[in-house]
Amino acid sequence: NPFNMETTISYSLPEATGIKLVIYNTHGQIIDIIDAGQKAAGTHRISWTGRDTNGTIVPSGVYLLKLYSSNPKTIATRKLVLLK
């Protein structure tokens, strides 16, 4: 799934729940929280523009996307590869 500066992330929820979508670098540091809050059941889409929480463009490399869900309590992880 390599991307160049912007990617769209889709995720589906079986029921309404609180979520948090977090981008981490390979050292486990939080790069950005791209979505958080209560979400309805169904499919959701959000874009990540390859920037950190300060709006700075991050370097090329491998990043991890984690989806935390509160009901049911779930953690899903996906690898993202940013190429410039």
N, C-alpha and C. Protein backbone atom coordinates (compact mmCIF):
# COMPACT_ATOMS: atom_id res chain seq x y z
N ASN A 1 0.80 -1.20 0.00
CA ASN A 1 0.00 0.00 0.00
C ASN A 1 0.84 1.27 0.00
N PRO A 2 1.97 1.32 -0.69
CA PRO A 2 2.76 2.56 -0.69
C PRO A 2 1.92 3.74 -1.20
N PHE A 3 2.17 4.90 -0.61
CA PHE A 3 1.47 6.09 -1.05
C PHE A 3 2.43 7.27 -1.06
N ASN A 4 2.03 8.33 -1.77
CA ASN A 4 2.86 9.50 -1.90
C ASN A 4 2.11 10.70 -1.35
N MET A 5 2.34 11.05 -0.12
CA MET A 5 1.85 12.23 0.58
C MET A 5 0.39 12.21 1.01
N GLU A 6 -0.46 11.37 0.45
CA GLU A 6 -1.83 11.29 0.96
C GLU A 6 -2.40 9.91 0.68
N THR A 7 -3.08 9.38 1.68
CA THR A 7 -3.74 8.10 1.53
C THR A 7 -5.10 8.16 2.22
N THR A 8 -6.03 7.41 1.70
CA THR A 8 -7.35 7.33 2.31
C THR A 8 -7.47 6.01 3.05
N ILE A 9 -7.90 6.09 4.29
CA ILE A 9 -8.02 4.93 5.15
C ILE A 9 -9.50 4.64 5.35
N SER A 10 -9.89 3.41 5.08
CA SER A 10 -11.28 2.98 5.30
C SER A 10 -11.31 1.97 6.42
N TYR A 11 -12.35 2.05 7.23
CA TYR A 11 -12.55 1.06 8.28
C TYR A 11 -14.05 0.88 8.51
N SER A 12 -14.42 -0.32 8.92
CA SER A 12 -15.83 -0.63 9.16
C SER A 12 -16.04 -1.00 10.61
N LEU A 13 -17.15 -0.55 11.15
CA LEU A 13 -17.51 -0.85 12.53
C LEU A 13 -18.81 -1.62 12.55
N PRO A 14 -18.88 -2.72 13.30
CA PRO A 14 -20.10 -3.52 13.35
C PRO A 14 -21.22 -2.85 14.16
N GLU A 15 -20.83 -1.92 15.04
CA GLU A 15 -21.81 -1.21 15.86
C GLU A 15 -21.23 0.14 16.25
N ALA A 16 -22.07 1.03 16.72
CA ALA A 16 -21.59 2.33 17.17
C ALA A 16 -20.60 2.15 18.32
N THR A 17 -19.54 2.92 18.29
CA THR A 17 -18.49 2.78 19.30
C THR A 17 -17.58 3.99 19.29
N GLY A 18 -16.83 4.16 20.34
CA GLY A 18 -15.78 5.17 20.38
C GLY A 18 -14.53 4.61 19.73
N ILE A 19 -13.85 5.43 18.92
CA ILE A 19 -12.63 4.96 18.25
C ILE A 19 -11.52 6.00 18.38
N LYS A 20 -10.32 5.54 18.10
CA LYS A 20 -9.18 6.43 17.94
C LYS A 20 -8.29 5.81 16.87
N LEU A 21 -7.92 6.60 15.86
CA LEU A 21 -7.00 6.16 14.81
C LEU A 21 -5.69 6.90 15.01
N VAL A 22 -4.62 6.15 15.27
CA VAL A 22 -3.33 6.74 15.62
C VAL A 22 -2.26 6.25 14.65
N ILE A 23 -1.43 7.18 14.17
CA ILE A 23 -0.27 6.84 13.33
C ILE A 23 0.96 6.86 14.23
N TYR A 24 1.74 5.77 14.17
CA TYR A 24 2.99 5.64 14.93
C TYR A 24 4.17 5.48 13.96
N ASN A 25 5.35 5.91 14.39
CA ASN A 25 6.55 5.57 13.63
C ASN A 25 7.04 4.21 14.12
N THR A 26 8.11 3.71 13.53
CA THR A 26 8.59 2.37 13.88
C THR A 26 9.25 2.32 15.26
N HIS A 27 9.43 3.48 15.89
CA HIS A 27 9.97 3.53 17.25
C HIS A 27 8.85 3.56 18.28
N GLY A 28 7.60 3.51 17.82
CA GLY A 28 6.47 3.51 18.73
C GLY A 28 6.02 4.89 19.18
N GLN A 29 6.58 5.95 18.57
CA GLN A 29 6.19 7.31 18.91
C GLN A 29 4.95 7.71 18.13
N ILE A 30 4.03 8.42 18.78
CA ILE A 30 2.83 8.89 18.10
C ILE A 30 3.20 9.99 17.12
N ILE A 31 2.80 9.82 15.87
CA ILE A 31 3.02 10.81 14.83
C ILE A 31 1.79 11.71 14.71
N ASP A 32 0.61 11.10 14.71
CA ASP A 32 -0.62 11.87 14.58
C ASP A 32 -1.81 11.04 15.05
N ILE A 33 -2.79 11.70 15.59
CA ILE A 33 -4.09 11.08 15.86
C ILE A 33 -5.01 11.63 14.78
N ILE A 34 -5.38 10.78 13.82
CA ILE A 34 -6.09 11.30 12.65
C ILE A 34 -7.60 11.26 12.79
N ASP A 35 -8.11 10.53 13.77
CA ASP A 35 -9.55 10.52 14.00
C ASP A 35 -9.80 9.99 15.40
N ALA A 36 -10.82 10.53 16.04
CA ALA A 36 -11.18 10.07 17.38
C ALA A 36 -12.61 10.52 17.66
N GLY A 37 -13.28 9.73 18.47
CA GLY A 37 -14.63 10.09 18.88
C GLY A 37 -15.62 8.97 18.68
N GLN A 38 -16.86 9.28 18.92
CA GLN A 38 -17.94 8.30 18.77
C GLN A 38 -18.30 8.19 17.29
N LYS A 39 -18.39 6.96 16.78
CA LYS A 39 -18.72 6.72 15.38
C LYS A 39 -19.89 5.76 15.28
N ALA A 40 -20.71 5.95 14.27
CA ALA A 40 -21.85 5.07 14.01
C ALA A 40 -21.36 3.78 13.38
N ALA A 41 -22.20 2.76 13.42
CA ALA A 41 -21.88 1.50 12.73
C ALA A 41 -21.79 1.78 11.24
N GLY A 42 -20.93 1.03 10.54
CA GLY A 42 -20.80 1.18 9.10
C GLY A 42 -19.38 1.48 8.69
N THR A 43 -19.22 1.86 7.43
CA THR A 43 -17.90 2.13 6.86
C THR A 43 -17.59 3.61 6.95
N HIS A 44 -16.35 3.91 7.34
CA HIS A 44 -15.88 5.28 7.49
C HIS A 44 -14.59 5.44 6.69
N ARG A 45 -14.34 6.66 6.22
CA ARG A 45 -13.12 6.97 5.45
C ARG A 45 -12.51 8.26 5.99
N ILE A 46 -11.19 8.27 6.03
CA ILE A 46 -10.47 9.47 6.44
C ILE A 46 -9.13 9.49 5.71
N SER A 47 -8.62 10.67 5.44
CA SER A 47 -7.34 10.82 4.74
C SER A 47 -6.23 11.18 5.71
N TRP A 48 -5.03 10.71 5.42
CA TRP A 48 -3.84 11.15 6.13
C TRP A 48 -2.90 11.74 5.09
N THR A 49 -2.41 12.94 5.35
CA THR A 49 -1.60 13.68 4.39
C THR A 49 -0.10 13.59 4.65
N GLY A 50 0.33 12.61 5.44
CA GLY A 50 1.75 12.43 5.69
C GLY A 50 2.34 13.53 6.56
N ARG A 51 1.52 14.07 7.47
CA ARG A 51 1.98 15.12 8.38
C ARG A 51 1.83 14.66 9.83
N ASP A 52 2.64 15.24 10.69
CA ASP A 52 2.54 14.92 12.12
C ASP A 52 1.54 15.86 12.79
N THR A 53 1.44 15.78 14.12
CA THR A 53 0.47 16.59 14.86
C THR A 53 0.75 18.09 14.75
N ASN A 54 1.98 18.47 14.41
CA ASN A 54 2.33 19.88 14.25
C ASN A 54 2.14 20.37 12.82
N GLY A 55 1.73 19.46 11.92
CA GLY A 55 1.55 19.84 10.52
C GLY A 55 2.81 19.72 9.69
N THR A 56 3.87 19.19 10.27
CA THR A 56 5.14 19.01 9.57
C THR A 56 5.09 17.73 8.73
N ILE A 57 5.57 17.81 7.50
CA ILE A 57 5.62 16.63 6.64
C ILE A 57 6.63 15.65 7.22
N VAL A 58 6.21 14.40 7.35
CA VAL A 58 7.09 13.37 7.91
C VAL A 58 7.95 12.77 6.81
N PRO A 59 9.10 12.19 7.17
CA PRO A 59 9.97 11.60 6.15
C PRO A 59 9.38 10.31 5.57
N SER A 60 9.89 9.92 4.42
CA SER A 60 9.53 8.64 3.83
C SER A 60 9.84 7.53 4.82
N GLY A 61 9.05 6.48 4.78
CA GLY A 61 9.31 5.36 5.67
C GLY A 61 8.07 4.56 5.97
N VAL A 62 8.23 3.64 6.91
CA VAL A 62 7.15 2.76 7.32
C VAL A 62 6.49 3.36 8.57
N TYR A 63 5.17 3.38 8.57
CA TYR A 63 4.38 3.87 9.70
C TYR A 63 3.34 2.83 10.04
N LEU A 64 2.87 2.83 11.27
CA LEU A 64 1.84 1.90 11.70
C LEU A 64 0.58 2.67 12.03
N LEU A 65 -0.53 2.19 11.53
CA LEU A 65 -1.84 2.75 11.83
C LEU A 65 -2.53 1.81 12.80
N LYS A 66 -2.97 2.35 13.93
CA LYS A 66 -3.70 1.52 14.90
C LYS A 66 -5.09 2.10 15.09
N LEU A 67 -6.07 1.22 15.00
CA LEU A 67 -7.46 1.56 15.27
C LEU A 67 -7.82 0.97 16.62
N TYR A 68 -8.13 1.84 17.57
CA TYR A 68 -8.58 1.43 18.89
C TYR A 68 -10.09 1.61 18.93
N SER A 69 -10.81 0.58 19.33
CA SER A 69 -12.26 0.61 19.42
C SER A 69 -12.66 0.25 20.84
N SER A 70 -13.64 0.97 21.39
CA SER A 70 -14.02 0.72 22.78
C SER A 70 -15.12 -0.32 22.94
N ASN A 71 -15.92 -0.54 21.90
CA ASN A 71 -17.05 -1.48 22.05
C ASN A 71 -17.33 -2.17 20.73
N PRO A 72 -16.91 -3.36 20.47
CA PRO A 72 -16.13 -4.21 21.38
C PRO A 72 -14.69 -3.72 21.44
N LYS A 73 -14.04 -3.98 22.56
CA LYS A 73 -12.66 -3.52 22.74
C LYS A 73 -11.77 -4.24 21.72
N THR A 74 -11.22 -3.46 20.81
CA THR A 74 -10.45 -4.02 19.70
C THR A 74 -9.26 -3.11 19.38
N ILE A 75 -8.18 -3.72 18.97
CA ILE A 75 -7.05 -2.98 18.42
C ILE A 75 -6.68 -3.66 17.10
N ALA A 76 -6.70 -2.88 16.02
CA ALA A 76 -6.30 -3.39 14.72
C ALA A 76 -5.11 -2.56 14.24
N THR A 77 -4.12 -3.22 13.64
CA THR A 77 -2.93 -2.54 13.18
C THR A 77 -2.73 -2.79 11.70
N ARG A 78 -2.28 -1.73 10.99
CA ARG A 78 -2.01 -1.82 9.56
C ARG A 78 -0.74 -1.06 9.26
N LYS A 79 0.08 -1.56 8.36
CA LYS A 79 1.33 -0.92 7.97
C LYS A 79 1.06 0.05 6.82
N LEU A 80 1.66 1.25 6.92
CA LEU A 80 1.59 2.25 5.86
C LEU A 80 3.01 2.54 5.39
N VAL A 81 3.22 2.65 4.09
CA VAL A 81 4.54 2.97 3.55
C VAL A 81 4.43 4.28 2.79
N LEU A 82 5.12 5.30 3.30
CA LEU A 82 5.13 6.63 2.69
C LEU A 82 6.36 6.75 1.81
N LEU A 83 6.14 7.00 0.52
CA LEU A 83 7.23 7.17 -0.44
C LEU A 83 7.12 8.57 -1.02
N LYS A 84 8.24 9.26 -1.14
CA LYS A 84 8.24 10.59 -1.73
C LYS A 84 8.99 10.58 -3.03
